[in-house]
Amino acid sequence: LNQKKLEANQLEFDLREITLQQRFMKLENEK
């Protein structure tokens, strides 16, 4: 469970990073 929590945290971090990238790409696309 702890390992899965770490993986979940890493996945959450990756998702946040992907979200930021998507936002950046959205801004770039808008530009």
PDB file of all heavy atoms in Angstrom:
ATOM      1  N   LEU A   1       0.827  -1.205   0.000  1.00  0.00           N
ATOM      2  CA  LEU A   1       0.000   0.000   0.000  1.00  0.00           C
ATOM      3  C   LEU A   1       0.861   1.256   0.000  1.00  0.00           C
ATOM      4  O   LEU A   1       0.571   2.221  -0.710  1.00  0.00           O
ATOM      5  CB  LEU A   1      -0.921  -0.014   1.219  1.00  0.00           C
ATOM      6  CG  LEU A   1      -1.905   1.155   1.350  1.00  0.00           C
ATOM      7  CD1 LEU A   1      -2.846   1.185   0.149  1.00  0.00           C
ATOM      8  CD2 LEU A   1      -2.705   1.034   2.638  1.00  0.00           C
ATOM      9  N   ASN A   2       1.958   1.221   0.816  1.00  0.00           N
ATOM     10  CA  ASN A   2       2.865   2.375   0.825  1.00  0.00           C
ATOM     11  C   ASN A   2       3.518   2.572  -0.537  1.00  0.00           C
ATOM     12  O   ASN A   2       3.681   3.707  -1.014  1.00  0.00           O
ATOM     13  CB  ASN A   2       3.935   2.180   1.897  1.00  0.00           C
ATOM     14  CG  ASN A   2       3.359   2.224   3.292  1.00  0.00           C
ATOM     15  OD1 ASN A   2       2.316   2.840   3.528  1.00  0.00           O
ATOM     16  ND2 ASN A   2       4.008   1.568   4.238  1.00  0.00           N
ATOM     17  N   GLN A   3       3.902   1.433  -1.161  1.00  0.00           N
ATOM     18  CA  GLN A   3       4.491   1.522  -2.494  1.00  0.00           C
ATOM     19  C   GLN A   3       3.492   2.091  -3.488  1.00  0.00           C
ATOM     20  O   GLN A   3       3.826   2.938  -4.330  1.00  0.00           O
ATOM     21  CB  GLN A   3       4.959   0.131  -2.945  1.00  0.00           C
ATOM     22  CG  GLN A   3       5.663   0.119  -4.292  1.00  0.00           C
ATOM     23  CD  GLN A   3       6.967   0.902  -4.277  1.00  0.00           C
ATOM     24  OE1 GLN A   3       7.627   0.985  -3.250  1.00  0.00           O
ATOM     25  NE2 GLN A   3       7.333   1.476  -5.406  1.00  0.00           N
ATOM     26  N   LYS A   4       2.249   1.647  -3.363  1.00  0.00           N
ATOM     27  CA  LYS A   4       1.214   2.170  -4.264  1.00  0.00           C
ATOM     28  C   LYS A   4       0.945   3.648  -3.986  1.00  0.00           C
ATOM     29  O   LYS A   4       0.644   4.407  -4.913  1.00  0.00           O
ATOM     30  CB  LYS A   4      -0.064   1.349  -4.103  1.00  0.00           C
ATOM     31  CG  LYS A   4       0.044  -0.059  -4.682  1.00  0.00           C
ATOM     32  CD  LYS A   4      -1.251  -0.817  -4.540  1.00  0.00           C
ATOM     33  CE  LYS A   4      -1.117  -2.219  -5.151  1.00  0.00           C
ATOM     34  NZ  LYS A   4      -2.373  -2.995  -5.012  1.00  0.00           N
ATOM     35  N   LYS A   5       1.053   4.035  -2.700  1.00  0.00           N
ATOM     36  CA  LYS A   5       0.885   5.450  -2.379  1.00  0.00           C
ATOM     37  C   LYS A   5       1.988   6.282  -3.029  1.00  0.00           C
ATOM     38  O   LYS A   5       1.728   7.366  -3.574  1.00  0.00           O
ATOM     39  CB  LYS A   5       0.891   5.642  -0.869  1.00  0.00           C
ATOM     40  CG  LYS A   5      -0.392   5.223  -0.183  1.00  0.00           C
ATOM     41  CD  LYS A   5      -0.337   5.529   1.300  1.00  0.00           C
ATOM     42  CE  LYS A   5      -1.651   5.146   1.977  1.00  0.00           C
ATOM     43  NZ  LYS A   5      -1.613   5.428   3.436  1.00  0.00           N
ATOM     44  N   LEU A   6       3.246   5.749  -2.940  1.00  0.00           N
ATOM     45  CA  LEU A   6       4.343   6.456  -3.604  1.00  0.00           C
ATOM     46  C   LEU A   6       4.102   6.546  -5.105  1.00  0.00           C
ATOM     47  O   LEU A   6       4.311   7.599  -5.720  1.00  0.00           O
ATOM     48  CB  LEU A   6       5.666   5.742  -3.310  1.00  0.00           C
ATOM     49  CG  LEU A   6       6.155   5.777  -1.855  1.00  0.00           C
ATOM     50  CD1 LEU A   6       7.417   4.942  -1.705  1.00  0.00           C
ATOM     51  CD2 LEU A   6       6.414   7.215  -1.406  1.00  0.00           C
ATOM     52  N   GLU A   7       3.670   5.425  -5.684  1.00  0.00           N
ATOM     53  CA  GLU A   7       3.378   5.442  -7.114  1.00  0.00           C
ATOM     54  C   GLU A   7       2.231   6.403  -7.424  1.00  0.00           C
ATOM     55  O   GLU A   7       2.262   7.103  -8.448  1.00  0.00           O
ATOM     56  CB  GLU A   7       3.031   4.025  -7.580  1.00  0.00           C
ATOM     57  CG  GLU A   7       4.200   3.050  -7.504  1.00  0.00           C
ATOM     58  CD  GLU A   7       3.790   1.645  -7.881  1.00  0.00           C
ATOM     59  OE1 GLU A   7       2.579   1.446  -8.145  1.00  0.00           O
ATOM     60  OE2 GLU A   7       4.660   0.751  -7.907  1.00  0.00           O
ATOM     61  N   ALA A   8       1.235   6.427  -6.522  1.00  0.00           N
ATOM     62  CA  ALA A   8       0.115   7.345  -6.735  1.00  0.00           C
ATOM     63  C   ALA A   8       0.569   8.799  -6.638  1.00  0.00           C
ATOM     64  O   ALA A   8       0.133   9.650  -7.422  1.00  0.00           O
ATOM     65  CB  ALA A   8      -0.996   7.059  -5.723  1.00  0.00           C
ATOM     66  N   ASN A   9       1.457   9.058  -5.648  1.00  0.00           N
ATOM     67  CA  ASN A   9       1.984  10.421  -5.520  1.00  0.00           C
ATOM     68  C   ASN A   9       2.791  10.818  -6.748  1.00  0.00           C
ATOM     69  O   ASN A   9       2.688  11.949  -7.234  1.00  0.00           O
ATOM     70  CB  ASN A   9       2.841  10.531  -4.264  1.00  0.00           C
ATOM     71  CG  ASN A   9       2.030  10.405  -2.995  1.00  0.00           C
ATOM     72  OD1 ASN A   9       0.832  10.697  -2.988  1.00  0.00           O
ATOM     73  ND2 ASN A   9       2.651   9.957  -1.917  1.00  0.00           N
ATOM     74  N   GLN A  10       3.631   9.858  -7.219  1.00  0.00           N
ATOM     75  CA  GLN A  10       4.411  10.135  -8.421  1.00  0.00           C
ATOM     76  C   GLN A  10       3.490  10.366  -9.615  1.00  0.00           C
ATOM     77  O   GLN A  10       3.705  11.264 -10.431  1.00  0.00           O
ATOM     78  CB  GLN A  10       5.357   8.961  -8.699  1.00  0.00           C
ATOM     79  CG  GLN A  10       6.254   9.158  -9.908  1.00  0.00           C
ATOM     80  CD  GLN A  10       7.202  10.335  -9.735  1.00  0.00           C
ATOM     81  OE1 GLN A  10       7.684  10.603  -8.646  1.00  0.00           O
ATOM     82  NE2 GLN A  10       7.479  11.049 -10.824  1.00  0.00           N
ATOM     83  N   LEU A  11       2.445   9.528  -9.682  1.00  0.00           N
ATOM     84  CA  LEU A  11       1.486   9.687 -10.778  1.00  0.00           C
ATOM     85  C   LEU A  11       0.760  11.021 -10.669  1.00  0.00           C
ATOM     86  O   LEU A  11       0.541  11.698 -11.691  1.00  0.00           O
ATOM     87  CB  LEU A  11       0.476   8.537 -10.734  1.00  0.00           C
ATOM     88  CG  LEU A  11      -0.593   8.534 -11.834  1.00  0.00           C
ATOM     89  CD1 LEU A  11       0.051   8.446 -13.207  1.00  0.00           C
ATOM     90  CD2 LEU A  11      -1.561   7.370 -11.625  1.00  0.00           C
ATOM     91  N   GLU A  12       0.422  11.411  -9.433  1.00  0.00           N
ATOM     92  CA  GLU A  12      -0.233  12.695  -9.244  1.00  0.00           C
ATOM     93  C   GLU A  12       0.687  13.841  -9.659  1.00  0.00           C
ATOM     94  O   GLU A  12       0.246  14.804 -10.298  1.00  0.00           O
ATOM     95  CB  GLU A  12      -0.640  12.849  -7.775  1.00  0.00           C
ATOM     96  CG  GLU A  12      -1.403  14.130  -7.484  1.00  0.00           C
ATOM     97  CD  GLU A  12      -1.802  14.233  -6.029  1.00  0.00           C
ATOM     98  OE1 GLU A  12      -1.469  13.316  -5.259  1.00  0.00           O
ATOM     99  OE2 GLU A  12      -2.439  15.238  -5.659  1.00  0.00           O
ATOM    100  N   PHE A  13       1.980  13.697  -9.278  1.00  0.00           N
ATOM    101  CA  PHE A  13       2.951  14.717  -9.688  1.00  0.00           C
ATOM    102  C   PHE A  13       3.069  14.774 -11.210  1.00  0.00           C
ATOM    103  O   PHE A  13       3.096  15.868 -11.800  1.00  0.00           O
ATOM    104  CB  PHE A  13       4.309  14.409  -9.060  1.00  0.00           C
ATOM    105  CG  PHE A  13       5.402  15.350  -9.471  1.00  0.00           C
ATOM    106  CD1 PHE A  13       5.509  16.614  -8.904  1.00  0.00           C
ATOM    107  CD2 PHE A  13       6.329  14.970 -10.442  1.00  0.00           C
ATOM    108  CE1 PHE A  13       6.511  17.490  -9.303  1.00  0.00           C
ATOM    109  CE2 PHE A  13       7.335  15.837 -10.841  1.00  0.00           C
ATOM    110  CZ  PHE A  13       7.427  17.101 -10.265  1.00  0.00           C
ATOM    111  N   ASP A  14       3.130  13.580 -11.818  1.00  0.00           N
ATOM    112  CA  ASP A  14       3.213  13.543 -13.282  1.00  0.00           C
ATOM    113  C   ASP A  14       1.966  14.149 -13.918  1.00  0.00           C
ATOM    114  O   ASP A  14       2.051  14.860 -14.933  1.00  0.00           O
ATOM    115  CB  ASP A  14       3.391  12.097 -13.760  1.00  0.00           C
ATOM    116  CG  ASP A  14       4.734  11.519 -13.330  1.00  0.00           C
ATOM    117  OD1 ASP A  14       5.643  12.313 -13.005  1.00  0.00           O
ATOM    118  OD2 ASP A  14       4.864  10.279 -13.296  1.00  0.00           O
ATOM    119  N   LEU A  15       0.810  13.845 -13.310  1.00  0.00           N
ATOM    120  CA  LEU A  15      -0.430  14.404 -13.845  1.00  0.00           C
ATOM    121  C   LEU A  15      -0.441  15.931 -13.730  1.00  0.00           C
ATOM    122  O   LEU A  15      -0.905  16.624 -14.638  1.00  0.00           O
ATOM    123  CB  LEU A  15      -1.632  13.810 -13.107  1.00  0.00           C
ATOM    124  CG  LEU A  15      -1.956  12.350 -13.418  1.00  0.00           C
ATOM    125  CD1 LEU A  15      -3.084  11.844 -12.532  1.00  0.00           C
ATOM    126  CD2 LEU A  15      -2.329  12.186 -14.885  1.00  0.00           C
ATOM    127  N   ARG A  16       0.069  16.414 -12.580  1.00  0.00           N
ATOM    128  CA  ARG A  16       0.144  17.877 -12.432  1.00  0.00           C
ATOM    129  C   ARG A  16       1.076  18.474 -13.467  1.00  0.00           C
ATOM    130  O   ARG A  16       0.773  19.526 -14.062  1.00  0.00           O
ATOM    131  CB  ARG A  16       0.628  18.226 -11.027  1.00  0.00           C
ATOM    132  CG  ARG A  16      -0.403  17.945  -9.923  1.00  0.00           C
ATOM    133  CD  ARG A  16       0.142  18.325  -8.570  1.00  0.00           C
ATOM    134  NE  ARG A  16      -0.847  18.086  -7.526  1.00  0.00           N
ATOM    135  CZ  ARG A  16      -0.611  18.292  -6.234  1.00  0.00           C
ATOM    136  NH1 ARG A  16       0.582  18.753  -5.837  1.00  0.00           N
ATOM    137  NH2 ARG A  16      -1.552  18.046  -5.342  1.00  0.00           N
ATOM    138  N   GLU A  17       2.223  17.779 -13.664  1.00  0.00           N
ATOM    139  CA  GLU A  17       3.168  18.275 -14.658  1.00  0.00           C
ATOM    140  C   GLU A  17       2.540  18.247 -16.054  1.00  0.00           C
ATOM    141  O   GLU A  17       2.690  19.198 -16.838  1.00  0.00           O
ATOM    142  CB  GLU A  17       4.437  17.427 -14.626  1.00  0.00           C
ATOM    143  CG  GLU A  17       5.542  17.946 -15.539  1.00  0.00           C
ATOM    144  CD  GLU A  17       6.808  17.124 -15.427  1.00  0.00           C
ATOM    145  OE1 GLU A  17       6.814  16.171 -14.623  1.00  0.00           O
ATOM    146  OE2 GLU A  17       7.773  17.442 -16.121  1.00  0.00           O
ATOM    147  N   ILE A  18       1.824  17.165 -16.346  1.00  0.00           N
ATOM    148  CA  ILE A  18       1.160  17.073 -17.645  1.00  0.00           C
ATOM    149  C   ILE A  18       0.097  18.156 -17.775  1.00  0.00           C
ATOM    150  O   ILE A  18      -0.069  18.774 -18.845  1.00  0.00           O
ATOM    151  CB  ILE A  18       0.537  15.676 -17.828  1.00  0.00           C
ATOM    152  CG1 ILE A  18       1.656  14.617 -17.955  1.00  0.00           C
ATOM    153  CG2 ILE A  18      -0.379  15.633 -19.039  1.00  0.00           C
ATOM    154  CD1 ILE A  18       1.142  13.203 -17.956  1.00  0.00           C
ATOM    155  N   THR A  19      -0.611  18.414 -16.652  1.00  0.00           N
ATOM    156  CA  THR A  19      -1.632  19.464 -16.676  1.00  0.00           C
ATOM    157  C   THR A  19      -1.014  20.822 -16.962  1.00  0.00           C
ATOM    158  O   THR A  19      -1.539  21.612 -17.763  1.00  0.00           O
ATOM    159  CB  THR A  19      -2.381  19.493 -15.334  1.00  0.00           C
ATOM    160  OG1 THR A  19      -2.950  18.206 -15.078  1.00  0.00           O
ATOM    161  CG2 THR A  19      -3.483  20.535 -15.352  1.00  0.00           C
ATOM    162  N   LEU A  20       0.146  21.085 -16.279  1.00  0.00           N
ATOM    163  CA  LEU A  20       0.834  22.350 -16.528  1.00  0.00           C
ATOM    164  C   LEU A  20       1.310  22.435 -17.976  1.00  0.00           C
ATOM    165  O   LEU A  20       1.201  23.492 -18.620  1.00  0.00           O
ATOM    166  CB  LEU A  20       2.023  22.497 -15.572  1.00  0.00           C
ATOM    167  CG  LEU A  20       1.664  22.682 -14.090  1.00  0.00           C
ATOM    168  CD1 LEU A  20       2.929  22.716 -13.244  1.00  0.00           C
ATOM    169  CD2 LEU A  20       0.855  23.962 -13.884  1.00  0.00           C
ATOM    170  N   GLN A  21       1.843  21.290 -18.463  1.00  0.00           N
ATOM    171  CA  GLN A  21       2.271  21.274 -19.861  1.00  0.00           C
ATOM    172  C   GLN A  21       1.096  21.513 -20.803  1.00  0.00           C
ATOM    173  O   GLN A  21       1.228  22.233 -21.806  1.00  0.00           O
ATOM    174  CB  GLN A  21       2.946  19.948 -20.188  1.00  0.00           C
ATOM    175  CG  GLN A  21       4.297  19.763 -19.500  1.00  0.00           C
ATOM    176  CD  GLN A  21       4.914  18.417 -19.817  1.00  0.00           C
ATOM    177  OE1 GLN A  21       4.284  17.571 -20.450  1.00  0.00           O
ATOM    178  NE2 GLN A  21       6.140  18.203 -19.356  1.00  0.00           N
ATOM    179  N   GLN A  22      -0.033  20.905 -20.450  1.00  0.00           N
ATOM    180  CA  GLN A  22      -1.209  21.114 -21.296  1.00  0.00           C
ATOM    181  C   GLN A  22      -1.661  22.566 -21.267  1.00  0.00           C
ATOM    182  O   GLN A  22      -2.070  23.122 -22.295  1.00  0.00           O
ATOM    183  CB  GLN A  22      -2.339  20.193 -20.821  1.00  0.00           C
ATOM    184  CG  GLN A  22      -2.104  18.718 -21.139  1.00  0.00           C
ATOM    185  CD  GLN A  22      -3.205  17.838 -20.613  1.00  0.00           C
ATOM    186  OE1 GLN A  22      -3.992  18.260 -19.769  1.00  0.00           O
ATOM    187  NE2 GLN A  22      -3.254  16.606 -21.094  1.00  0.00           N
ATOM    188  N   ARG A  23      -1.588  23.150 -20.048  1.00  0.00           N
ATOM    189  CA  ARG A  23      -1.946  24.568 -19.960  1.00  0.00           C
ATOM    190  C   ARG A  23      -0.981  25.421 -20.774  1.00  0.00           C
ATOM    191  O   ARG A  23      -1.395  26.354 -21.479  1.00  0.00           O
ATOM    192  CB  ARG A  23      -1.935  25.014 -18.494  1.00  0.00           C
ATOM    193  CG  ARG A  23      -3.070  24.424 -17.669  1.00  0.00           C
ATOM    194  CD  ARG A  23      -2.999  24.922 -16.241  1.00  0.00           C
ATOM    195  NE  ARG A  23      -4.086  24.352 -15.439  1.00  0.00           N
ATOM    196  CZ  ARG A  23      -4.224  24.573 -14.137  1.00  0.00           C
ATOM    197  NH1 ARG A  23      -3.336  25.350 -13.504  1.00  0.00           N
ATOM    198  NH2 ARG A  23      -5.225  24.025 -13.484  1.00  0.00           N
ATOM    199  N   PHE A  24       0.318  25.095 -20.650  1.00  0.00           N
ATOM    200  CA  PHE A  24       1.315  25.839 -21.419  1.00  0.00           C
ATOM    201  C   PHE A  24       1.069  25.663 -22.914  1.00  0.00           C
ATOM    202  O   PHE A  24       1.137  26.634 -23.691  1.00  0.00           O
ATOM    203  CB  PHE A  24       2.721  25.361 -21.038  1.00  0.00           C
ATOM    204  CG  PHE A  24       3.813  26.030 -21.812  1.00  0.00           C
ATOM    205  CD1 PHE A  24       4.201  27.331 -21.522  1.00  0.00           C
ATOM    206  CD2 PHE A  24       4.458  25.356 -22.851  1.00  0.00           C
ATOM    207  CE1 PHE A  24       5.200  27.944 -22.246  1.00  0.00           C
ATOM    208  CE2 PHE A  24       5.457  25.963 -23.575  1.00  0.00           C
ATOM    209  CZ  PHE A  24       5.835  27.271 -23.270  1.00  0.00           C
ATOM    210  N   MET A  25       0.800  24.384 -23.302  1.00  0.00           N
ATOM    211  CA  MET A  25       0.527  24.131 -24.717  1.00  0.00           C
ATOM    212  C   MET A  25      -0.748  24.850 -25.163  1.00  0.00           C
ATOM    213  O   MET A  25      -0.833  25.335 -26.308  1.00  0.00           O
ATOM    214  CB  MET A  25       0.393  22.630 -24.950  1.00  0.00           C
ATOM    215  CG  MET A  25       1.704  21.871 -24.783  1.00  0.00           C
ATOM    216  SD  MET A  25       1.500  20.079 -24.988  1.00  0.00           S
ATOM    217  CE  MET A  25       0.966  20.011 -26.686  1.00  0.00           C
ATOM    218  N   LYS A  26      -1.708  24.937 -24.243  1.00  0.00           N
ATOM    219  CA  LYS A  26      -2.931  25.648 -24.590  1.00  0.00           C
ATOM    220  C   LYS A  26      -2.652  27.125 -24.833  1.00  0.00           C
ATOM    221  O   LYS A  26      -3.150  27.719 -25.798  1.00  0.00           O
ATOM    222  CB  LYS A  26      -3.941  25.468 -23.462  1.00  0.00           C
ATOM    223  CG  LYS A  26      -5.294  26.085 -23.750  1.00  0.00           C
ATOM    224  CD  LYS A  26      -6.261  25.811 -22.615  1.00  0.00           C
ATOM    225  CE  LYS A  26      -7.621  26.437 -22.902  1.00  0.00           C
ATOM    226  NZ  LYS A  26      -8.575  26.199 -21.780  1.00  0.00           N
ATOM    227  N   LEU A  27      -1.818  27.694 -23.915  1.00  0.00           N
ATOM    228  CA  LEU A  27      -1.441  29.093 -24.102  1.00  0.00           C
ATOM    229  C   LEU A  27      -0.667  29.279 -25.403  1.00  0.00           C
ATOM    230  O   LEU A  27      -0.876  30.254 -26.142  1.00  0.00           O
ATOM    231  CB  LEU A  27      -0.613  29.578 -22.907  1.00  0.00           C
ATOM    232  CG  LEU A  27      -1.355  29.650 -21.563  1.00  0.00           C
ATOM    233  CD1 LEU A  27      -0.391  30.034 -20.455  1.00  0.00           C
ATOM    234  CD2 LEU A  27      -2.501  30.672 -21.647  1.00  0.00           C
ATOM    235  N   GLU A  28       0.274  28.314 -25.663  1.00  0.00           N
ATOM    236  CA  GLU A  28       1.031  28.386 -26.906  1.00  0.00           C
ATOM    237  C   GLU A  28       0.106  28.285 -28.110  1.00  0.00           C
ATOM    238  O   GLU A  28       0.260  29.012 -29.104  1.00  0.00           O
ATOM    239  CB  GLU A  28       2.080  27.269 -26.948  1.00  0.00           C
ATOM    240  CG  GLU A  28       3.254  27.468 -26.007  1.00  0.00           C
ATOM    241  CD  GLU A  28       4.138  28.617 -26.462  1.00  0.00           C
ATOM    242  OE1 GLU A  28       4.271  28.818 -27.683  1.00  0.00           O
ATOM    243  OE2 GLU A  28       4.672  29.340 -25.599  1.00  0.00           O
ATOM    244  N   ASN A  29      -0.858  27.355 -27.998  1.00  0.00           N
ATOM    245  CA  ASN A  29      -1.807  27.212 -29.109  1.00  0.00           C
ATOM    246  C   ASN A  29      -2.635  28.477 -29.302  1.00  0.00           C
ATOM    247  O   ASN A  29      -2.913  28.897 -30.437  1.00  0.00           O
ATOM    248  CB  ASN A  29      -2.733  26.018 -28.861  1.00  0.00           C
ATOM    249  CG  ASN A  29      -2.006  24.693 -28.977  1.00  0.00           C
ATOM    250  OD1 ASN A  29      -1.001  24.601 -29.682  1.00  0.00           O
ATOM    251  ND2 ASN A  29      -2.500  23.683 -28.291  1.00  0.00           N
ATOM    252  N   GLU A  30      -3.045  29.065 -28.150  1.00  0.00           N
ATOM    253  CA  GLU A  30      -3.788  30.315 -28.259  1.00  0.00           C
ATOM    254  C   GLU A  30      -2.942  31.409 -28.901  1.00  0.00           C
ATOM    255  O   GLU A  30      -3.438  32.195 -29.738  1.00  0.00           O
ATOM    256  CB  GLU A  30      -4.262  30.749 -26.869  1.00  0.00           C
ATOM    257  CG  GLU A  30      -5.331  29.835 -26.275  1.00  0.00           C
ATOM    258  CD  GLU A  30      -5.725  30.251 -24.878  1.00  0.00           C
ATOM    259  OE1 GLU A  30      -5.075  31.179 -24.329  1.00  0.00           O
ATOM    260  OE2 GLU A  30      -6.676  29.651 -24.330  1.00  0.00           O
ATOM    261  N   LYS A  31      -1.640  31.425 -28.487  1.00  0.00           N
ATOM    262  CA  LYS A  31      -0.743  32.413 -29.081  1.00  0.00           C
ATOM    263  C   LYS A  31      -0.577  32.162 -30.573  1.00  0.00           C
ATOM    264  O   LYS A  31      -0.620  33.101 -31.405  1.00  0.00           O
ATOM    265  CB  LYS A  31       0.611  32.355 -28.387  1.00  0.00           C
ATOM    266  CG  LYS A  31       1.610  33.381 -28.894  1.00  0.00           C
ATOM    267  CD  LYS A  31       2.921  33.271 -28.136  1.00  0.00           C
ATOM    268  CE  LYS A  31       3.948  34.273 -28.677  1.00  0.00           C
ATOM    269  NZ  LYS A  31       5.249  34.136 -27.961  1.00  0.00           N
TER     270      LYS A  31
END
